[in-house]
């Protein structure tokens, strides 16, 4: 196996690891019902995985990108990984701004007498 083929194989292994991370994030988020009941946990989860995904994209664009191939190796998955990581960080920010959903008391839902005025 020549150096070019070895670099291409290492690159595709990196892409596979990145895709596995994406599948794991989707599976865990679905199992947690997309963190509807615990947005702070969702903020931590998407924040950490977003940073990891961005770092993986940067590694795919720089360190693992095959340079010695005569045919001019072309792949844009590193850019997609960085954009997906940014999306996850945006989702983490949205979760961090959301408060935990508290159950609503039925007494709070009853209309108050002072607010129900008749217009004559």
PDB file of N, CA and C in Angstrom:
ATOM      1  N   UNK A   1       0.863  -1.180   0.000  1.00  0.00           N
ATOM      2  CA  UNK A   1       0.000   0.000   0.000  1.00  0.00           C
ATOM      3  C   UNK A   1       0.906   1.239   0.000  1.00  0.00           C
ATOM      4  N   UNK A   2       0.662   2.141  -0.927  1.00  0.00           N
ATOM      5  CA  UNK A   2       1.493   3.340  -0.997  1.00  0.00           C
ATOM      6  C   UNK A   2       1.019   4.404  -0.006  1.00  0.00           C
ATOM      7  N   UNK A   3       1.789   5.475   0.099  1.00  0.00           N
ATOM      8  CA  UNK A   3       1.511   6.527   1.088  1.00  0.00           C
ATOM      9  C   UNK A   3       0.180   7.213   0.820  1.00  0.00           C
ATOM     10  N   UNK A   4      -0.148   7.410  -0.440  1.00  0.00           N
ATOM     11  CA  UNK A   4      -1.410   8.086  -0.776  1.00  0.00           C
ATOM     12  C   UNK A   4      -2.609   7.258  -0.327  1.00  0.00           C
ATOM     13  N   UNK A   5      -2.579   5.985  -0.629  1.00  0.00           N
ATOM     14  CA  UNK A   5      -3.693   5.117  -0.242  1.00  0.00           C
ATOM     15  C   UNK A   5      -3.832   5.038   1.268  1.00  0.00           C
ATOM     16  N   UNK A   6      -2.721   5.034   1.983  1.00  0.00           N
ATOM     17  CA  UNK A   6      -2.750   4.990   3.446  1.00  0.00           C
ATOM     18  C   UNK A   6      -3.391   6.271   4.002  1.00  0.00           C
ATOM     19  N   UNK A   7      -3.036   7.425   3.417  1.00  0.00           N
ATOM     20  CA  UNK A   7      -3.624   8.688   3.863  1.00  0.00           C
ATOM     21  C   UNK A   7      -5.123   8.735   3.579  1.00  0.00           C
ATOM     22  N   UNK A   8      -5.528   8.235   2.421  1.00  0.00           N
ATOM     23  CA  UNK A   8      -6.960   8.208   2.080  1.00  0.00           C
ATOM     24  C   UNK A   8      -7.707   7.297   3.040  1.00  0.00           C
ATOM     25  N   UNK A   9      -7.143   6.136   3.347  1.00  0.00           N
ATOM     26  CA  UNK A   9      -7.790   5.222   4.291  1.00  0.00           C
ATOM     27  C   UNK A   9      -7.923   5.856   5.676  1.00  0.00           C
ATOM     28  N   UNK A  10      -6.885   6.542   6.139  1.00  0.00           N
ATOM     29  CA  UNK A  10      -6.957   7.215   7.440  1.00  0.00           C
ATOM     30  C   UNK A  10      -8.032   8.305   7.433  1.00  0.00           C
ATOM     31  N   UNK A  11      -8.141   9.019   6.318  1.00  0.00           N
ATOM     32  CA  UNK A  11      -9.167  10.058   6.205  1.00  0.00           C
ATOM     33  C   UNK A  11     -10.565   9.447   6.331  1.00  0.00           C
ATOM     34  N   UNK A  12     -10.807   8.349   5.614  1.00  0.00           N
ATOM     35  CA  UNK A  12     -12.143   7.740   5.649  1.00  0.00           C
ATOM     36  C   UNK A  12     -12.447   7.107   7.002  1.00  0.00           C
ATOM     37  N   UNK A  13     -11.425   6.670   7.711  1.00  0.00           N
ATOM     38  CA  UNK A  13     -11.640   6.203   9.086  1.00  0.00           C
ATOM     39  C   UNK A  13     -12.094   7.375   9.947  1.00  0.00           C
ATOM     40  N   UNK A  14     -11.469   8.538   9.774  1.00  0.00           N
ATOM     41  CA  UNK A  14     -11.891   9.741  10.502  1.00  0.00           C
ATOM     42  C   UNK A  14     -13.316  10.143  10.177  1.00  0.00           C
ATOM     43  N   UNK A  15     -13.697  10.032   8.905  1.00  0.00           N
ATOM     44  CA  UNK A  15     -15.078  10.328   8.506  1.00  0.00           C
ATOM     45  C   UNK A  15     -16.031   9.341   9.164  1.00  0.00           C
ATOM     46  N   UNK A  16     -15.650   8.084   9.209  1.00  0.00           N
ATOM     47  CA  UNK A  16     -16.490   7.070   9.852  1.00  0.00           C
ATOM     48  C   UNK A  16     -16.704   7.349  11.329  1.00  0.00           C
ATOM     49  N   UNK A  17     -15.642   7.749  12.013  1.00  0.00           N
ATOM     50  CA  UNK A  17     -15.755   8.084  13.438  1.00  0.00           C
ATOM     51  C   UNK A  17     -16.679   9.286  13.618  1.00  0.00           C
ATOM     52  N   UNK A  18     -16.546  10.274  12.746  1.00  0.00           N
ATOM     53  CA  UNK A  18     -17.392  11.463  12.824  1.00  0.00           C
ATOM     54  C   UNK A  18     -18.861  11.118  12.567  1.00  0.00           C
ATOM     55  N   UNK A  19     -19.105  10.257  11.596  1.00  0.00           N
ATOM     56  CA  UNK A  19     -20.484   9.833  11.323  1.00  0.00           C
ATOM     57  C   UNK A  19     -21.055   9.016  12.480  1.00  0.00           C
ATOM     58  N   UNK A  20     -20.212   8.198  13.111  1.00  0.00           N
ATOM     59  CA  UNK A  20     -20.656   7.446  14.278  1.00  0.00           C
ATOM     60  C   UNK A  20     -21.065   8.392  15.403  1.00  0.00           C
ATOM     61  N   UNK A  21     -20.298   9.477  15.606  1.00  0.00           N
ATOM     62  CA  UNK A  21     -20.658  10.470  16.611  1.00  0.00           C
ATOM     63  C   UNK A  21     -22.020  11.084  16.298  1.00  0.00           C
ATOM     64  N   UNK A  22     -22.266  11.394  15.046  1.00  0.00           N
ATOM     65  CA  UNK A  22     -23.557  11.963  14.648  1.00  0.00           C
ATOM     66  C   UNK A  22     -24.691  10.995  14.948  1.00  0.00           C
ATOM     67  N   UNK A  23     -24.508   9.733  14.595  1.00  0.00           N
ATOM     68  CA  UNK A  23     -25.546   8.725  14.867  1.00  0.00           C
ATOM     69  C   UNK A  23     -25.765   8.556  16.368  1.00  0.00           C
ATOM     70  N   UNK A  24     -24.684   8.573  17.140  1.00  0.00           N
ATOM     71  CA  UNK A  24     -24.807   8.436  18.599  1.00  0.00           C
ATOM     72  C   UNK A  24     -25.542   9.625  19.199  1.00  0.00           C
ATOM     73  N   UNK A  25     -25.248  10.827  18.711  1.00  0.00           N
ATOM     74  CA  UNK A  25     -25.935  12.022  19.222  1.00  0.00           C
ATOM     75  C   UNK A  25     -27.427  11.937  18.919  1.00  0.00           C
ATOM     76  N   UNK A  26     -27.771  11.535  17.710  1.00  0.00           N
ATOM     77  CA  UNK A  26     -29.194  11.414  17.357  1.00  0.00           C
ATOM     78  C   UNK A  26     -29.889  10.355  18.201  1.00  0.00           C
ATOM     79  N   UNK A  27     -29.230   9.225  18.427  1.00  0.00           N
ATOM     80  CA  UNK A  27     -29.837   8.156  19.222  1.00  0.00           C
ATOM     81  C   UNK A  27     -30.020   8.569  20.679  1.00  0.00           C
ATOM     82  N   UNK A  28     -29.003   9.190  21.251  1.00  0.00           N
ATOM     83  CA  UNK A  28     -29.098   9.608  22.658  1.00  0.00           C
ATOM     84  C   UNK A  28     -30.144  10.706  22.824  1.00  0.00           C
ATOM     85  N   UNK A  29     -30.166  11.658  21.901  1.00  0.00           N
ATOM     86  CA  UNK A  29     -31.154  12.743  21.997  1.00  0.00           C
ATOM     87  C   UNK A  29     -32.578  12.190  21.851  1.00  0.00           C
ATOM     88  N   UNK A  30     -32.764  11.258  20.958  1.00  0.00           N
ATOM     89  CA  UNK A  30     -34.095  10.666  20.790  1.00  0.00           C
ATOM     90  C   UNK A  30     -34.499   9.884  22.038  1.00  0.00           C
ATOM     91  N   UNK A  31     -33.548   9.162  22.626  1.00  0.00           N
ATOM     92  CA  UNK A  31     -33.849   8.405  23.846  1.00  0.00           C
ATOM     93  C   UNK A  31     -34.215   9.341  24.991  1.00  0.00           C
ATOM     94  N   UNK A  32     -33.596  10.520  25.026  1.00  0.00           N
ATOM     95  CA  UNK A  32     -33.883  11.509  26.067  1.00  0.00           C
ATOM     96  C   UNK A  32     -35.054  12.413  25.673  1.00  0.00           C
ATOM     97  N   UNK A  33     -35.784  12.036  24.650  1.00  0.00           N
ATOM     98  CA  UNK A  33     -36.915  12.825  24.118  1.00  0.00           C
ATOM     99  C   UNK A  33     -36.476  14.252  23.800  1.00  0.00           C
ATOM    100  N   UNK A  34     -35.292  14.334  23.198  1.00  0.00           N
ATOM    101  CA  UNK A  34     -34.712  15.599  22.762  1.00  0.00           C
ATOM    102  C   UNK A  34     -34.650  16.626  23.894  1.00  0.00           C
ATOM    103  N   UNK A  35     -34.441  16.124  25.104  1.00  0.00           N
ATOM    104  CA  UNK A  35     -34.203  16.933  26.303  1.00  0.00           C
ATOM    105  C   UNK A  35     -35.334  17.924  26.582  1.00  0.00           C
ATOM    106  N   UNK A  36     -36.548  17.511  26.295  1.00  0.00           N
ATOM    107  CA  UNK A  36     -37.708  18.376  26.528  1.00  0.00           C
ATOM    108  C   UNK A  36     -37.917  18.644  28.020  1.00  0.00           C
ATOM    109  N   UNK A  37     -37.625  17.662  28.866  1.00  0.00           N
ATOM    110  CA  UNK A  37     -37.860  17.821  30.303  1.00  0.00           C
ATOM    111  C   UNK A  37     -36.639  18.335  31.062  1.00  0.00           C
ATOM    112  N   UNK A  38     -35.478  18.329  30.420  1.00  0.00           N
ATOM    113  CA  UNK A  38     -34.261  18.766  31.098  1.00  0.00           C
ATOM    114  C   UNK A  38     -33.380  19.560  30.135  1.00  0.00           C
ATOM    115  N   UNK A  39     -33.740  20.819  29.858  1.00  0.00           N
ATOM    116  CA  UNK A  39     -32.974  21.594  28.879  1.00  0.00           C
ATOM    117  C   UNK A  39     -31.539  21.876  29.299  1.00  0.00           C
ATOM    118  N   UNK A  40     -31.249  21.926  30.597  1.00  0.00           N
ATOM    119  CA  UNK A  40     -29.871  22.161  31.023  1.00  0.00           C
ATOM    120  C   UNK A  40     -28.979  20.969  30.671  1.00  0.00           C
ATOM    121  N   UNK A  41     -29.523  19.780  30.797  1.00  0.00           N
ATOM    122  CA  UNK A  41     -28.784  18.579  30.386  1.00  0.00           C
ATOM    123  C   UNK A  41     -28.572  18.594  28.873  1.00  0.00           C
ATOM    124  N   UNK A  42     -29.559  19.042  28.140  1.00  0.00           N
ATOM    125  CA  UNK A  42     -29.430  19.160  26.689  1.00  0.00           C
ATOM    126  C   UNK A  42     -28.378  20.185  26.298  1.00  0.00           C
ATOM    127  N   UNK A  43     -28.300  21.282  27.062  1.00  0.00           N
ATOM    128  CA  UNK A  43     -27.294  22.304  26.780  1.00  0.00           C
ATOM    129  C   UNK A  43     -25.889  21.741  26.955  1.00  0.00           C
ATOM    130  N   UNK A  44     -25.671  20.993  28.021  1.00  0.00           N
ATOM    131  CA  UNK A  44     -24.355  20.386  28.253  1.00  0.00           C
ATOM    132  C   UNK A  44     -24.043  19.358  27.175  1.00  0.00           C
ATOM    133  N   UNK A  45     -25.030  18.527  26.860  1.00  0.00           N
ATOM    134  CA  UNK A  45     -24.832  17.463  25.882  1.00  0.00           C
ATOM    135  C   UNK A  45     -24.475  18.032  24.513  1.00  0.00           C
ATOM    136  N   UNK A  46     -25.279  18.963  24.011  1.00  0.00           N
ATOM    137  CA  UNK A  46     -25.013  19.527  22.692  1.00  0.00           C
ATOM    138  C   UNK A  46     -23.768  20.416  22.696  1.00  0.00           C
ATOM    139  N   UNK A  47     -23.465  21.049  23.807  1.00  0.00           N
ATOM    140  CA  UNK A  47     -22.262  21.869  23.886  1.00  0.00           C
ATOM    141  C   UNK A  47     -20.995  21.034  23.747  1.00  0.00           C
ATOM    142  N   UNK A  48     -20.932  19.942  24.504  1.00  0.00           N
ATOM    143  CA  UNK A  48     -19.756  19.071  24.460  1.00  0.00           C
ATOM    144  C   UNK A  48     -19.637  18.389  23.100  1.00  0.00           C
ATOM    145  N   UNK A  49     -20.723  17.826  22.609  1.00  0.00           N
ATOM    146  CA  UNK A  49     -20.650  17.126  21.323  1.00  0.00           C
ATOM    147  C   UNK A  49     -20.419  18.098  20.164  1.00  0.00           C
ATOM    148  N   UNK A  50     -20.914  19.322  20.281  1.00  0.00           N
ATOM    149  CA  UNK A  50     -20.671  20.319  19.244  1.00  0.00           C
ATOM    150  C   UNK A  50     -19.199  20.678  19.145  1.00  0.00           C
ATOM    151  N   UNK A  51     -18.548  20.841  20.289  1.00  0.00           N
ATOM    152  CA  UNK A  51     -17.110  21.145  20.293  1.00  0.00           C
ATOM    153  C   UNK A  51     -16.315  19.975  19.712  1.00  0.00           C
ATOM    154  N   UNK A  52     -16.685  18.760  20.110  1.00  0.00           N
ATOM    155  CA  UNK A  52     -15.993  17.577  19.571  1.00  0.00           C
ATOM    156  C   UNK A  52     -16.171  17.501  18.058  1.00  0.00           C
ATOM    157  N   UNK A  53     -17.381  17.762  17.578  1.00  0.00           N
ATOM    158  CA  UNK A  53     -17.652  17.675  16.136  1.00  0.00           C
ATOM    159  C   UNK A  53     -16.867  18.736  15.366  1.00  0.00           C
ATOM    160  N   UNK A  54     -16.777  19.937  15.905  1.00  0.00           N
ATOM    161  CA  UNK A  54     -15.994  20.992  15.246  1.00  0.00           C
ATOM    162  C   UNK A  54     -14.523  20.593  15.188  1.00  0.00           C
ATOM    163  N   UNK A  55     -13.992  20.077  16.286  1.00  0.00           N
ATOM    164  CA  UNK A  55     -12.597  19.639  16.301  1.00  0.00           C
ATOM    165  C   UNK A  55     -12.362  18.514  15.304  1.00  0.00           C
ATOM    166  N   UNK A  56     -13.297  17.581  15.205  1.00  0.00           N
ATOM    167  CA  UNK A  56     -13.161  16.496  14.223  1.00  0.00           C
ATOM    168  C   UNK A  56     -13.167  17.050  12.801  1.00  0.00           C
ATOM    169  N   UNK A  57     -14.021  18.026  12.534  1.00  0.00           N
ATOM    170  CA  UNK A  57     -14.058  18.637  11.209  1.00  0.00           C
ATOM    171  C   UNK A  57     -12.756  19.340  10.879  1.00  0.00           C
ATOM    172  N   UNK A  58     -12.185  20.032  11.850  1.00  0.00           N
ATOM    173  CA  UNK A  58     -10.905  20.716  11.627  1.00  0.00           C
ATOM    174  C   UNK A  58      -9.799  19.703  11.368  1.00  0.00           C
ATOM    175  N   UNK A  59      -9.800  18.603  12.111  1.00  0.00           N
ATOM    176  CA  UNK A  59      -8.799  17.559  11.893  1.00  0.00           C
ATOM    177  C   UNK A  59      -8.964  16.948  10.496  1.00  0.00           C
ATOM    178  N   UNK A  60     -10.193  16.735  10.073  1.00  0.00           N
ATOM    179  CA  UNK A  60     -10.423  16.190   8.732  1.00  0.00           C
ATOM    180  C   UNK A  60      -9.977  17.160   7.639  1.00  0.00           C
ATOM    181  N   UNK A  61     -10.099  18.444   7.895  1.00  0.00           N
ATOM    182  CA  UNK A  61      -9.692  19.444   6.897  1.00  0.00           C
ATOM    183  C   UNK A  61      -8.186  19.675   6.869  1.00  0.00           C
ATOM    184  N   UNK A  62      -7.494  19.339   7.949  1.00  0.00           N
ATOM    185  CA  UNK A  62      -6.069  19.666   8.029  1.00  0.00           C
ATOM    186  C   UNK A  62      -5.201  18.419   8.148  1.00  0.00           C
ATOM    187  N   UNK A  63      -5.164  17.822   9.305  1.00  0.00           N
ATOM    188  CA  UNK A  63      -4.230  16.745   9.599  1.00  0.00           C
ATOM    189  C   UNK A  63      -4.501  15.486   8.772  1.00  0.00           C
ATOM    190  N   UNK A  64      -5.755  15.062   8.699  1.00  0.00           N
ATOM    191  CA  UNK A  64      -6.082  13.816   8.003  1.00  0.00           C
ATOM    192  C   UNK A  64      -6.326  13.989   6.505  1.00  0.00           C
ATOM    193  N   UNK A  65      -6.387  15.204   6.020  1.00  0.00           N
ATOM    194  CA  UNK A  65      -6.660  15.403   4.589  1.00  0.00           C
ATOM    195  C   UNK A  65      -5.458  14.953   3.769  1.00  0.00           C
ATOM    196  N   UNK A  66      -5.651  13.991   2.841  1.00  0.00           N
ATOM    197  CA  UNK A  66      -4.525  13.488   2.035  1.00  0.00           C
ATOM    198  C   UNK A  66      -3.924  14.586   1.162  1.00  0.00           C
ATOM    199  N   UNK A  67      -2.618  14.780   1.298  1.00  0.00           N
ATOM    200  CA  UNK A  67      -1.937  15.835   0.550  1.00  0.00           C
ATOM    201  C   UNK A  67      -1.100  15.289  -0.603  1.00  0.00           C
ATOM    202  N   UNK A  68      -0.653  14.060  -0.495  1.00  0.00           N
ATOM    203  CA  UNK A  68       0.309  13.522  -1.449  1.00  0.00           C
ATOM    204  C   UNK A  68      -0.330  12.812  -2.642  1.00  0.00           C
ATOM    205  N   UNK A  69      -1.631  12.892  -2.776  1.00  0.00           N
ATOM    206  CA  UNK A  69      -2.295  12.174  -3.863  1.00  0.00           C
ATOM    207  C   UNK A  69      -2.203  12.975  -5.158  1.00  0.00           C
ATOM    208  N   UNK A  70      -1.755  12.303  -6.216  1.00  0.00           N
ATOM    209  CA  UNK A  70      -1.572  12.970  -7.509  1.00  0.00           C
ATOM    210  C   UNK A  70      -2.907  13.355  -8.145  1.00  0.00           C
ATOM    211  N   UNK A  71      -3.947  12.594  -7.877  1.00  0.00           N
ATOM    212  CA  UNK A  71      -5.256  12.858  -8.485  1.00  0.00           C
ATOM    213  C   UNK A  71      -5.997  14.022  -7.860  1.00  0.00           C
ATOM    214  N   UNK A  72      -5.473  14.610  -6.823  1.00  0.00           N
ATOM    215  CA  UNK A  72      -6.152  15.724  -6.160  1.00  0.00           C
ATOM    216  C   UNK A  72      -7.370  15.259  -5.389  1.00  0.00           C
ATOM    217  N   UNK A  73      -7.161  14.707  -4.217  1.00  0.00           N
ATOM    218  CA  UNK A  73      -8.244  14.188  -3.387  1.00  0.00           C
ATOM    219  C   UNK A  73      -9.209  15.308  -3.022  1.00  0.00           C
ATOM    220  N   UNK A  74     -10.498  15.085  -3.244  1.00  0.00           N
ATOM    221  CA  UNK A  74     -11.525  16.077  -2.946  1.00  0.00           C
ATOM    222  C   UNK A  74     -12.559  15.486  -1.990  1.00  0.00           C
ATOM    223  N   UNK A  75     -12.777  16.144  -0.896  1.00  0.00           N
ATOM    224  CA  UNK A  75     -13.841  15.781   0.028  1.00  0.00           C
ATOM    225  C   UNK A  75     -14.214  17.023   0.821  1.00  0.00           C
ATOM    226  N   UNK A  76     -15.492  17.204   1.025  1.00  0.00           N
ATOM    227  CA  UNK A  76     -15.971  18.375   1.747  1.00  0.00           C
ATOM    228  C   UNK A  76     -16.627  17.995   3.065  1.00  0.00           C
ATOM    229  N   UNK A  77     -16.433  16.743   3.523  1.00  0.00           N
ATOM    230  CA  UNK A  77     -17.086  16.330   4.748  1.00  0.00           C
ATOM    231  C   UNK A  77     -16.583  17.104   5.965  1.00  0.00           C
ATOM    232  N   UNK A  78     -15.324  17.520   5.957  1.00  0.00           N
ATOM    233  CA  UNK A  78     -14.799  18.303   7.075  1.00  0.00           C
ATOM    234  C   UNK A  78     -15.589  19.589   7.275  1.00  0.00           C
ATOM    235  N   UNK A  79     -15.977  20.228   6.171  1.00  0.00           N
ATOM    236  CA  UNK A  79     -16.779  21.454   6.248  1.00  0.00           C
ATOM    237  C   UNK A  79     -18.158  21.141   6.812  1.00  0.00           C
ATOM    238  N   UNK A  80     -18.736  20.032   6.368  1.00  0.00           N
ATOM    239  CA  UNK A  80     -20.051  19.629   6.880  1.00  0.00           C
ATOM    240  C   UNK A  80     -19.969  19.352   8.379  1.00  0.00           C
ATOM    241  N   UNK A  81     -18.904  18.695   8.816  1.00  0.00           N
ATOM    242  CA  UNK A  81     -18.738  18.396  10.244  1.00  0.00           C
ATOM    243  C   UNK A  81     -18.632  19.684  11.062  1.00  0.00           C
ATOM    244  N   UNK A  82     -17.881  20.660  10.565  1.00  0.00           N
ATOM    245  CA  UNK A  82     -17.752  21.935  11.286  1.00  0.00           C
ATOM    246  C   UNK A  82     -19.111  22.637  11.360  1.00  0.00           C
ATOM    247  N   UNK A  83     -19.846  22.666  10.249  1.00  0.00           N
ATOM    248  CA  UNK A  83     -21.161  23.318  10.241  1.00  0.00           C
ATOM    249  C   UNK A  83     -22.144  22.611  11.170  1.00  0.00           C
ATOM    250  N   UNK A  84     -22.095  21.281  11.197  1.00  0.00           N
ATOM    251  CA  UNK A  84     -22.973  20.536  12.100  1.00  0.00           C
ATOM    252  C   UNK A  84     -22.603  20.802  13.552  1.00  0.00           C
ATOM    253  N   UNK A  85     -21.311  20.904  13.836  1.00  0.00           N
ATOM    254  CA  UNK A  85     -20.869  21.237  15.190  1.00  0.00           C
ATOM    255  C   UNK A  85     -21.342  22.617  15.617  1.00  0.00           C
ATOM    256  N   UNK A  86     -21.298  23.579  14.694  1.00  0.00           N
ATOM    257  CA  UNK A  86     -21.809  24.925  14.992  1.00  0.00           C
ATOM    258  C   UNK A  86     -23.301  24.868  15.255  1.00  0.00           C
ATOM    259  N   UNK A  87     -24.018  24.058  14.494  1.00  0.00           N
ATOM    260  CA  UNK A  87     -25.469  23.894  14.704  1.00  0.00           C
ATOM    261  C   UNK A  87     -25.750  23.326  16.090  1.00  0.00           C
ATOM    262  N   UNK A  88     -24.947  22.342  16.504  1.00  0.00           N
ATOM    263  CA  UNK A  88     -25.132  21.759  17.836  1.00  0.00           C
ATOM    264  C   UNK A  88     -24.811  22.773  18.923  1.00  0.00           C
ATOM    265  N   UNK A  89     -23.807  23.614  18.709  1.00  0.00           N
ATOM    266  CA  UNK A  89     -23.513  24.661  19.695  1.00  0.00           C
ATOM    267  C   UNK A  89     -24.653  25.675  19.776  1.00  0.00           C
ATOM    268  N   UNK A  90     -25.263  25.990  18.643  1.00  0.00           N
ATOM    269  CA  UNK A  90     -26.423  26.892  18.649  1.00  0.00           C
ATOM    270  C   UNK A  90     -27.586  26.260  19.402  1.00  0.00           C
ATOM    271  N   UNK A  91     -27.761  24.965  19.215  1.00  0.00           N
ATOM    272  CA  UNK A  91     -28.819  24.256  19.946  1.00  0.00           C
ATOM    273  C   UNK A  91     -28.516  24.249  21.445  1.00  0.00           C
ATOM    274  N   UNK A  92     -27.252  24.092  21.811  1.00  0.00           N
ATOM    275  CA  UNK A  92     -26.861  24.129  23.228  1.00  0.00           C
ATOM    276  C   UNK A  92     -27.169  25.497  23.817  1.00  0.00           C
ATOM    277  N   UNK A  93     -26.888  26.546  23.060  1.00  0.00           N
ATOM    278  CA  UNK A  93     -27.183  27.903  23.539  1.00  0.00           C
ATOM    279  C   UNK A  93     -28.691  28.086  23.733  1.00  0.00           C
ATOM    280  N   UNK A  94     -29.490  27.585  22.792  1.00  0.00           N
ATOM    281  CA  UNK A  94     -30.947  27.694  22.920  1.00  0.00           C
ATOM    282  C   UNK A  94     -31.449  26.933  24.145  1.00  0.00           C
ATOM    283  N   UNK A  95     -30.893  25.744  24.390  1.00  0.00           N
ATOM    284  CA  UNK A  95     -31.287  24.981  25.572  1.00  0.00           C
ATOM    285  C   UNK A  95     -30.868  25.696  26.849  1.00  0.00           C
ATOM    286  N   UNK A  96     -29.714  26.344  26.845  1.00  0.00           N
ATOM    287  CA  UNK A  96     -29.247  27.006  28.063  1.00  0.00           C
ATOM    288  C   UNK A  96     -30.117  28.216  28.413  1.00  0.00           C
ATOM    289  N   UNK A  97     -30.771  28.798  27.438  1.00  0.00           N
ATOM    290  CA  UNK A  97     -31.636  29.951  27.685  1.00  0.00           C
ATOM    291  C   UNK A  97     -33.044  29.531  28.098  1.00  0.00           C
ATOM    292  N   UNK A  98     -33.380  28.276  27.870  1.00  0.00           N
ATOM    293  CA  UNK A  98     -34.707  27.772  28.228  1.00  0.00           C
ATOM    294  C   UNK A  98     -34.707  27.300  29.665  1.00  0.00           C
ATOM    295  N   UNK A  99     -35.765  27.602  30.361  1.00  0.00           N
ATOM    296  CA  UNK A  99     -35.889  27.148  31.742  1.00  0.00           C
ATOM    297  C   UNK A  99     -36.525  25.772  31.758  1.00  0.00           C
ATOM    298  N   UNK A 100     -36.298  25.071  32.847  1.00  0.00           N
ATOM    299  CA  UNK A 100     -36.904  23.760  33.013  1.00  0.00           C
ATOM    300  C   UNK A 100     -38.410  23.913  33.095  1.00  0.00           C
ATOM    301  N   UNK A 101     -39.099  23.102  32.324  1.00  0.00           N
ATOM    302  CA  UNK A 101     -40.557  23.170  32.313  1.00  0.00           C
ATOM    303  C   UNK A 101     -41.096  22.693  33.653  1.00  0.00           C
ATOM    304  N   UNK A 102     -41.842  23.539  34.324  1.00  0.00           N
ATOM    305  CA  UNK A 102     -42.431  23.197  35.617  1.00  0.00           C
ATOM    306  C   UNK A 102     -43.908  22.880  35.402  1.00  0.00           C
ATOM    307  N   UNK A 103     -44.431  21.921  36.123  1.00  0.00           N
ATOM    308  CA  UNK A 103     -45.851  21.621  35.984  1.00  0.00           C
ATOM    309  C   UNK A 103     -46.695  22.822  36.436  1.00  0.00           C
ATOM    310  N   UNK A 104     -47.736  23.075  35.697  1.00  0.00           N
ATOM    311  CA  UNK A 104     -48.605  24.219  35.991  1.00  0.00           C
ATOM    312  C   UNK A 104     -49.686  23.781  36.964  1.00  0.00           C
ATOM    313  N   UNK A 105     -49.865  24.564  38.021  1.00  0.00           N
ATOM    314  CA  UNK A 105     -50.889  24.292  39.017  1.00  0.00           C
ATOM    315  C   UNK A 105     -52.234  24.754  38.457  1.00  0.00           C
ATOM    316  N   UNK A 106     -53.272  23.974  38.670  1.00  0.00           N
ATOM    317  CA  UNK A 106     -54.578  24.329  38.125  1.00  0.00           C
ATOM    318  C   UNK A 106     -55.133  25.600  38.768  1.00  0.00           C
ATOM    319  N   UNK A 107     -54.722  25.904  39.998  1.00  0.00           N
ATOM    320  CA  UNK A 107     -55.187  27.132  40.650  1.00  0.00           C
ATOM    321  C   UNK A 107     -54.620  28.361  39.941  1.00  0.00           C
ATOM    322  N   UNK A 108     -53.411  28.218  39.358  1.00  0.00           N
ATOM    323  CA  UNK A 108     -52.823  29.334  38.631  1.00  0.00           C
ATOM    324  C   UNK A 108     -53.543  29.587  37.316  1.00  0.00           C
ATOM    325  N   UNK A 109     -54.190  28.575  36.792  1.00  0.00           N
ATOM    326  CA  UNK A 109     -54.859  28.690  35.507  1.00  0.00           C
ATOM    327  C   UNK A 109     -56.251  29.308  35.618  1.00  0.00           C
ATOM    328  N   UNK A 110     -56.840  29.313  36.803  1.00  0.00           N
ATOM    329  CA  UNK A 110     -58.192  29.842  36.967  1.00  0.00           C
ATOM    330  C   UNK A 110     -58.183  31.355  36.756  1.00  0.00           C
ATOM    331  N   UNK A 111     -59.173  31.877  36.040  1.00  0.00           N
ATOM    332  CA  UNK A 111     -59.203  33.329  35.812  1.00  0.00           C
ATOM    333  C   UNK A 111     -59.530  34.049  37.116  1.00  0.00           C
ATOM    334  N   UNK A 112     -58.853  35.142  37.318  1.00  0.00           N
ATOM    335  CA  UNK A 112     -59.117  35.918  38.526  1.00  0.00           C
ATOM    336  C   UNK A 112     -60.326  36.820  38.285  1.00  0.00           C
ATOM    337  N   UNK A 113     -61.002  37.165  39.360  1.00  0.00           N
ATOM    338  CA  UNK A 113     -62.214  37.966  39.233  1.00  0.00           C
ATOM    339  C   UNK A 113     -61.893  39.401  38.839  1.00  0.00           C
ATOM    340  N   UNK A 114     -60.740  39.891  39.211  1.00  0.00           N
ATOM    341  CA  UNK A 114     -60.401  41.270  38.894  1.00  0.00           C
ATOM    342  C   UNK A 114     -60.110  41.468  37.410  1.00  0.00           C
ATOM    343  N   UNK A 115     -59.717  40.394  36.733  1.00  0.00           N
ATOM    344  CA  UNK A 115     -59.389  40.536  35.322  1.00  0.00           C
ATOM    345  C   UNK A 115     -60.592  40.337  34.414  1.00  0.00           C
ATOM    346  N   UNK A 116     -61.708  39.825  34.961  1.00  0.00           N
ATOM    347  CA  UNK A 116     -62.874  39.607  34.121  1.00  0.00           C
ATOM    348  C   UNK A 116     -63.852  40.768  34.340  1.00  0.00           C
ATOM    349  N   UNK A 117     -63.725  41.787  33.509  1.00  0.00           N
ATOM    350  CA  UNK A 117     -64.601  42.944  33.591  1.00  0.00           C
ATOM    351  C   UNK A 117     -65.485  42.970  32.353  1.00  0.00           C
ATOM    352  N   UNK A 118     -66.695  43.341  32.576  1.00  0.00           N
ATOM    353  CA  UNK A 118     -67.625  43.423  31.456  1.00  0.00           C
ATOM    354  C   UNK A 118     -67.541  44.798  30.827  1.00  0.00           C
ATOM    355  N   UNK A 119     -67.610  44.807  29.529  1.00  0.00           N
ATOM    356  CA  UNK A 119     -67.634  46.082  28.808  1.00  0.00           C
ATOM    357  C   UNK A 119     -69.088  46.429  28.563  1.00  0.00           C
ATOM    358  N   UNK A 120     -69.453  47.626  28.995  1.00  0.00           N
ATOM    359  CA  UNK A 120     -70.856  48.051  28.890  1.00  0.00           C
ATOM    360  C   UNK A 120     -71.037  48.961  27.727  1.00  0.00           C
TER     361      UNK A 120
END
